[in-house]
N, C-alpha and C. Protein backbone atom coordinates (compact mmCIF):
# COMPACT_ATOMS: atom_id res chain seq x y z
N UNK A 1 99.28 115.59 104.43
CA UNK A 1 99.25 114.25 103.91
C UNK A 1 100.61 113.94 103.27
N UNK A 2 101.12 112.77 103.55
CA UNK A 2 102.43 112.37 103.02
C UNK A 2 102.36 112.07 101.53
N UNK A 3 103.42 112.44 100.84
CA UNK A 3 103.56 112.09 99.42
C UNK A 3 104.54 110.93 99.33
N UNK A 4 104.11 109.87 98.65
CA UNK A 4 104.94 108.68 98.52
C UNK A 4 105.21 108.40 97.05
N UNK A 5 106.48 108.35 96.65
CA UNK A 5 106.75 108.03 95.25
C UNK A 5 106.43 106.56 94.96
N UNK A 6 105.99 106.31 93.75
CA UNK A 6 105.72 104.95 93.27
C UNK A 6 106.82 104.61 92.29
N UNK A 7 107.44 103.44 92.48
CA UNK A 7 108.55 103.02 91.62
C UNK A 7 108.35 101.57 91.22
N UNK A 8 108.53 101.29 89.94
CA UNK A 8 108.48 99.91 89.46
C UNK A 8 109.48 99.72 88.32
N UNK A 9 110.09 98.57 88.28
CA UNK A 9 110.99 98.23 87.18
C UNK A 9 110.21 97.76 85.95
N UNK A 10 108.89 97.58 86.10
CA UNK A 10 108.05 97.11 85.00
C UNK A 10 107.60 98.23 84.08
N UNK A 11 108.02 99.45 84.38
CA UNK A 11 107.75 100.61 83.52
C UNK A 11 109.07 101.37 83.41
N UNK A 12 109.20 102.19 82.38
CA UNK A 12 110.45 102.94 82.22
C UNK A 12 110.75 103.80 83.44
N UNK A 13 112.01 103.82 83.81
CA UNK A 13 112.43 104.69 84.90
C UNK A 13 112.36 106.14 84.47
N UNK A 14 112.28 107.02 85.43
CA UNK A 14 112.21 108.45 85.14
C UNK A 14 113.46 108.89 84.38
N UNK A 15 113.26 109.70 83.35
CA UNK A 15 114.39 110.22 82.58
C UNK A 15 114.59 111.71 82.87
N UNK A 16 114.17 112.11 84.04
CA UNK A 16 114.30 113.49 84.49
C UNK A 16 114.02 113.57 85.98
N UNK A 17 113.78 114.77 86.43
CA UNK A 17 113.55 115.01 87.86
C UNK A 17 112.07 114.85 88.19
N UNK A 18 111.60 113.61 88.15
CA UNK A 18 110.21 113.30 88.48
C UNK A 18 110.10 111.85 88.91
N UNK A 19 108.96 111.49 89.48
CA UNK A 19 108.66 110.11 89.88
C UNK A 19 107.73 109.48 88.86
N UNK A 20 107.74 108.16 88.77
CA UNK A 20 106.81 107.48 87.88
C UNK A 20 105.37 107.81 88.28
N UNK A 21 105.15 107.92 89.55
CA UNK A 21 103.86 108.35 90.10
C UNK A 21 104.10 108.80 91.53
N UNK A 22 103.14 109.55 92.05
CA UNK A 22 103.19 109.98 93.45
C UNK A 22 101.82 109.70 94.06
N UNK A 23 101.86 109.00 95.20
CA UNK A 23 100.64 108.69 95.92
C UNK A 23 100.49 109.68 97.07
N UNK A 24 99.30 110.27 97.16
CA UNK A 24 98.99 111.22 98.23
C UNK A 24 97.60 110.85 98.73
N UNK A 25 97.56 110.16 99.87
CA UNK A 25 96.28 109.64 100.35
C UNK A 25 95.75 108.62 99.36
N UNK A 26 94.46 108.68 99.02
CA UNK A 26 93.89 107.72 98.09
C UNK A 26 94.11 108.09 96.61
N UNK A 27 94.79 109.21 96.37
CA UNK A 27 94.98 109.68 95.00
C UNK A 27 96.40 109.39 94.54
N UNK A 28 96.51 108.91 93.31
CA UNK A 28 97.81 108.63 92.71
C UNK A 28 97.91 109.45 91.43
N UNK A 29 98.94 110.24 91.34
CA UNK A 29 99.20 111.06 90.16
C UNK A 29 100.22 110.33 89.29
N UNK A 30 99.78 109.90 88.12
CA UNK A 30 100.60 109.10 87.21
C UNK A 30 101.34 110.02 86.24
N UNK A 31 102.66 109.97 86.27
CA UNK A 31 103.44 110.78 85.33
C UNK A 31 103.20 110.31 83.91
N UNK A 32 103.45 111.20 82.97
CA UNK A 32 103.29 110.85 81.56
C UNK A 32 104.20 109.70 81.18
N UNK A 33 103.61 108.76 80.46
CA UNK A 33 104.37 107.62 79.95
C UNK A 33 104.49 107.77 78.44
N UNK A 34 105.70 107.54 77.95
CA UNK A 34 105.93 107.47 76.51
C UNK A 34 106.27 106.02 76.19
N UNK A 35 106.29 105.65 74.92
CA UNK A 35 106.44 104.24 74.55
C UNK A 35 107.87 103.71 74.62
N UNK A 36 108.42 103.74 75.82
CA UNK A 36 109.75 103.18 76.04
C UNK A 36 109.63 101.76 76.57
N UNK A 37 110.50 100.88 76.10
CA UNK A 37 110.62 99.55 76.67
C UNK A 37 111.31 99.73 78.02
N UNK A 38 110.74 99.20 79.10
CA UNK A 38 111.34 99.43 80.42
C UNK A 38 112.71 98.79 80.60
N UNK A 39 113.04 97.79 79.81
CA UNK A 39 114.35 97.13 79.93
C UNK A 39 115.42 97.90 79.17
N UNK A 40 115.13 98.24 77.91
CA UNK A 40 116.14 98.89 77.06
C UNK A 40 116.09 100.41 77.14
N UNK A 41 114.95 100.95 77.62
CA UNK A 41 114.71 102.40 77.64
C UNK A 41 114.77 103.01 76.25
N UNK A 42 114.45 102.19 75.24
CA UNK A 42 114.38 102.66 73.86
C UNK A 42 112.93 102.69 73.42
N UNK A 43 112.62 103.54 72.44
CA UNK A 43 111.28 103.60 71.86
C UNK A 43 111.00 102.25 71.20
N UNK A 44 109.81 101.68 71.46
CA UNK A 44 109.51 100.32 71.03
C UNK A 44 109.41 100.14 69.52
N UNK A 45 108.96 101.18 68.81
CA UNK A 45 108.72 101.03 67.38
C UNK A 45 108.40 102.40 66.80
N UNK A 46 108.47 102.50 65.48
CA UNK A 46 108.00 103.70 64.80
C UNK A 46 106.50 103.64 64.55
N UNK A 47 105.91 102.46 64.71
CA UNK A 47 104.49 102.23 64.45
C UNK A 47 103.66 102.88 65.56
N UNK A 48 102.78 103.85 65.22
CA UNK A 48 101.98 104.52 66.25
C UNK A 48 101.14 103.56 67.09
N UNK A 49 100.57 102.52 66.50
CA UNK A 49 99.77 101.56 67.26
C UNK A 49 100.61 100.86 68.32
N UNK A 50 101.79 100.41 67.96
CA UNK A 50 102.67 99.75 68.92
C UNK A 50 103.10 100.72 70.01
N UNK A 51 103.27 101.97 69.65
CA UNK A 51 103.63 102.98 70.65
C UNK A 51 102.49 103.17 71.65
N UNK A 52 101.27 103.29 71.15
CA UNK A 52 100.12 103.47 72.04
C UNK A 52 99.97 102.25 72.95
N UNK A 53 100.11 101.06 72.40
CA UNK A 53 100.00 99.83 73.21
C UNK A 53 101.05 99.82 74.31
N UNK A 54 102.28 100.23 74.00
CA UNK A 54 103.34 100.24 75.01
C UNK A 54 103.06 101.27 76.10
N UNK A 55 102.52 102.41 75.72
CA UNK A 55 102.19 103.43 76.71
C UNK A 55 101.19 102.87 77.72
N UNK A 56 100.15 102.19 77.24
CA UNK A 56 99.16 101.64 78.18
C UNK A 56 99.73 100.48 78.99
N UNK A 57 100.65 99.71 78.42
CA UNK A 57 101.33 98.67 79.19
C UNK A 57 102.14 99.31 80.32
N UNK A 58 102.84 100.38 80.01
CA UNK A 58 103.63 101.08 81.02
C UNK A 58 102.74 101.68 82.11
N UNK A 59 101.65 102.32 81.69
CA UNK A 59 100.73 102.90 82.68
C UNK A 59 100.15 101.83 83.59
N UNK A 60 99.79 100.69 83.02
CA UNK A 60 99.23 99.60 83.82
C UNK A 60 100.23 99.16 84.88
N UNK A 61 101.50 99.05 84.51
CA UNK A 61 102.53 98.63 85.47
C UNK A 61 102.65 99.63 86.62
N UNK A 62 102.57 100.91 86.32
CA UNK A 62 102.67 101.93 87.37
C UNK A 62 101.42 101.88 88.26
N UNK A 63 100.25 101.71 87.65
CA UNK A 63 99.02 101.60 88.44
C UNK A 63 99.12 100.43 89.42
N UNK A 64 99.58 99.29 88.93
CA UNK A 64 99.70 98.09 89.77
C UNK A 64 100.73 98.31 90.88
N UNK A 65 101.84 98.98 90.56
CA UNK A 65 102.86 99.25 91.58
C UNK A 65 102.32 100.15 92.68
N UNK A 66 101.34 100.98 92.33
CA UNK A 66 100.72 101.87 93.32
C UNK A 66 99.60 101.18 94.10
N UNK A 67 99.30 99.94 93.74
CA UNK A 67 98.26 99.20 94.44
C UNK A 67 96.89 99.31 93.80
N UNK A 68 96.84 99.76 92.56
CA UNK A 68 95.57 99.92 91.87
C UNK A 68 95.56 99.22 90.53
N UNK A 69 94.60 99.62 89.71
CA UNK A 69 94.45 99.06 88.36
C UNK A 69 93.79 100.11 87.49
N UNK A 70 93.62 99.79 86.21
CA UNK A 70 92.95 100.72 85.32
C UNK A 70 91.53 101.03 85.79
N UNK A 71 90.92 100.13 86.54
CA UNK A 71 89.57 100.38 87.06
C UNK A 71 89.55 101.56 88.03
N UNK A 72 90.71 101.92 88.58
CA UNK A 72 90.81 103.02 89.54
C UNK A 72 91.18 104.35 88.89
N UNK A 73 91.47 104.34 87.60
CA UNK A 73 91.87 105.58 86.90
C UNK A 73 90.63 106.44 86.68
N UNK A 74 90.72 107.70 87.11
CA UNK A 74 89.58 108.61 86.97
C UNK A 74 89.80 109.68 85.91
N UNK A 75 91.05 109.91 85.50
CA UNK A 75 91.35 110.96 84.52
C UNK A 75 92.59 110.61 83.75
N UNK A 76 92.54 110.82 82.43
CA UNK A 76 93.70 110.65 81.57
C UNK A 76 93.85 111.89 80.70
N UNK A 77 95.09 112.28 80.45
CA UNK A 77 95.42 113.30 79.46
C UNK A 77 96.29 112.63 78.41
N UNK A 78 95.89 112.74 77.16
CA UNK A 78 96.59 112.12 76.04
C UNK A 78 97.20 113.24 75.20
N UNK A 79 98.50 113.15 74.96
CA UNK A 79 99.22 114.15 74.17
C UNK A 79 99.64 113.52 72.85
N UNK A 80 99.27 114.17 71.75
CA UNK A 80 99.54 113.63 70.42
C UNK A 80 100.08 114.72 69.49
N UNK A 81 101.25 114.53 68.91
CA UNK A 81 101.72 115.47 67.89
C UNK A 81 100.88 115.38 66.60
N UNK A 82 100.28 114.23 66.36
CA UNK A 82 99.45 114.02 65.17
C UNK A 82 98.08 113.51 65.62
N UNK A 83 97.09 114.40 65.62
CA UNK A 83 95.76 114.03 66.11
C UNK A 83 95.07 112.98 65.24
N UNK A 84 95.61 112.67 64.07
CA UNK A 84 95.02 111.59 63.26
C UNK A 84 95.24 110.23 63.92
N UNK A 85 96.12 110.17 64.92
CA UNK A 85 96.35 108.92 65.66
C UNK A 85 95.34 108.71 66.79
N UNK A 86 94.45 109.68 66.99
CA UNK A 86 93.49 109.58 68.09
C UNK A 86 92.59 108.33 67.99
N UNK A 87 92.13 107.91 66.80
CA UNK A 87 91.34 106.68 66.74
C UNK A 87 92.10 105.45 67.26
N UNK A 88 93.40 105.42 67.08
CA UNK A 88 94.21 104.32 67.61
C UNK A 88 94.16 104.34 69.13
N UNK A 89 94.28 105.53 69.71
CA UNK A 89 94.20 105.68 71.18
C UNK A 89 92.86 105.15 71.67
N UNK A 90 91.78 105.55 71.00
CA UNK A 90 90.44 105.09 71.40
C UNK A 90 90.34 103.57 71.36
N UNK A 91 90.85 102.98 70.29
CA UNK A 91 90.76 101.52 70.14
C UNK A 91 91.56 100.79 71.21
N UNK A 92 92.80 101.20 71.40
CA UNK A 92 93.65 100.54 72.39
C UNK A 92 93.11 100.78 73.80
N UNK A 93 92.66 101.99 74.06
CA UNK A 93 92.10 102.28 75.38
C UNK A 93 90.89 101.41 75.64
N UNK A 94 90.07 101.19 74.63
CA UNK A 94 88.89 100.34 74.77
C UNK A 94 89.23 98.90 75.11
N UNK A 95 90.44 98.47 74.78
CA UNK A 95 90.89 97.12 75.11
C UNK A 95 91.35 97.01 76.56
N UNK A 96 91.65 98.15 77.17
CA UNK A 96 92.20 98.15 78.53
C UNK A 96 91.24 98.64 79.61
N UNK A 97 90.23 99.41 79.22
CA UNK A 97 89.33 100.03 80.19
C UNK A 97 87.90 99.55 79.97
N UNK A 98 87.17 99.42 81.07
CA UNK A 98 85.75 99.11 81.04
C UNK A 98 84.97 100.33 81.49
N UNK A 99 83.70 100.37 81.16
CA UNK A 99 82.83 101.45 81.63
C UNK A 99 82.64 101.34 83.13
N UNK A 100 82.53 102.42 83.84
CA UNK A 100 82.59 103.78 83.34
C UNK A 100 84.04 104.17 83.03
N UNK A 101 84.22 104.72 81.85
CA UNK A 101 85.56 105.12 81.41
C UNK A 101 86.03 106.34 82.20
N UNK A 102 87.35 106.51 82.32
CA UNK A 102 87.84 107.71 82.98
C UNK A 102 87.54 108.96 82.15
N UNK A 103 87.51 110.10 82.81
CA UNK A 103 87.47 111.36 82.08
C UNK A 103 88.77 111.45 81.27
N UNK A 104 88.71 112.19 80.15
CA UNK A 104 89.91 112.21 79.30
C UNK A 104 89.96 113.49 78.50
N UNK A 105 91.17 113.94 78.25
CA UNK A 105 91.41 115.05 77.33
C UNK A 105 92.44 114.57 76.31
N UNK A 106 92.29 115.05 75.08
CA UNK A 106 93.27 114.79 74.03
C UNK A 106 93.82 116.14 73.61
N UNK A 107 95.13 116.26 73.69
CA UNK A 107 95.76 117.54 73.43
C UNK A 107 96.76 117.40 72.30
N UNK A 108 96.62 118.21 71.28
CA UNK A 108 97.59 118.23 70.19
C UNK A 108 98.80 119.05 70.62
N UNK A 109 99.98 118.49 70.44
CA UNK A 109 101.22 119.16 70.83
C UNK A 109 102.17 119.19 69.64
N UNK A 110 103.15 120.08 69.68
CA UNK A 110 104.07 120.18 68.55
C UNK A 110 105.10 119.06 68.54
N UNK A 111 105.46 118.54 69.71
CA UNK A 111 106.45 117.44 69.78
C UNK A 111 106.43 116.84 71.17
N UNK A 112 106.95 115.62 71.25
CA UNK A 112 107.09 114.92 72.52
C UNK A 112 108.53 114.43 72.67
N UNK A 113 108.95 114.08 73.90
CA UNK A 113 110.31 113.56 74.08
C UNK A 113 110.59 112.38 73.14
N UNK A 114 111.79 112.34 72.62
CA UNK A 114 112.26 111.27 71.74
C UNK A 114 111.42 111.16 70.46
N UNK A 115 110.70 112.23 70.13
CA UNK A 115 109.86 112.30 68.93
C UNK A 115 108.84 111.17 68.83
N UNK A 116 108.28 110.75 69.98
CA UNK A 116 107.30 109.67 69.99
C UNK A 116 105.94 110.19 69.53
N UNK A 117 105.02 109.26 69.27
CA UNK A 117 103.70 109.58 68.74
C UNK A 117 102.66 109.84 69.82
N UNK A 118 102.97 109.49 71.09
CA UNK A 118 101.96 109.61 72.14
C UNK A 118 102.60 109.65 73.52
N UNK A 119 101.94 110.39 74.41
CA UNK A 119 102.26 110.38 75.83
C UNK A 119 100.93 110.44 76.57
N UNK A 120 100.82 109.67 77.66
CA UNK A 120 99.59 109.65 78.45
C UNK A 120 99.95 109.77 79.92
N UNK A 121 99.24 110.65 80.63
CA UNK A 121 99.36 110.81 82.07
C UNK A 121 97.98 110.66 82.68
N UNK A 122 97.92 110.46 84.00
CA UNK A 122 96.60 110.30 84.57
C UNK A 122 96.55 110.46 86.07
N UNK A 123 95.33 110.30 86.58
CA UNK A 123 95.07 110.35 88.02
C UNK A 123 94.26 109.11 88.37
N UNK A 124 94.68 108.47 89.45
CA UNK A 124 94.01 107.26 89.92
C UNK A 124 93.53 107.51 91.35
N UNK A 125 92.35 107.03 91.67
CA UNK A 125 91.81 107.13 93.02
C UNK A 125 91.60 105.71 93.55
N UNK A 126 92.29 105.38 94.62
CA UNK A 126 92.21 104.02 95.17
C UNK A 126 91.38 104.07 96.45
N UNK A 127 90.28 103.35 96.44
CA UNK A 127 89.44 103.28 97.63
C UNK A 127 90.18 102.51 98.73
N UNK A 128 90.01 102.94 99.95
CA UNK A 128 90.67 102.27 101.08
C UNK A 128 90.00 100.97 101.42
């Protein structure tokens, strides 16, 4: 099965040797998004809520570039250096996703790139 990179200017460009997402058949593997403004490539704010909101805005842009939407997301992994921010993730995620919600894991980590408060990656399945 062919692997096709997904690229959009509406989400931050890759800052390393990876693609924003890779489509393989009906499955799309979404790379981790951190709260970067796609135009300036700077962290949007020190405020954890604004960071979480930007991460989901970025993920949405990548999903759309791949031909899907949040309704097609089946799995998310959320990385947080401070697990006390998890309620913010739940609240913001609830504004973007409808039931049935994707499967999800929340992982506490020691640090993230650019010292951000959150990173989210996922898997999307697009029906033909």
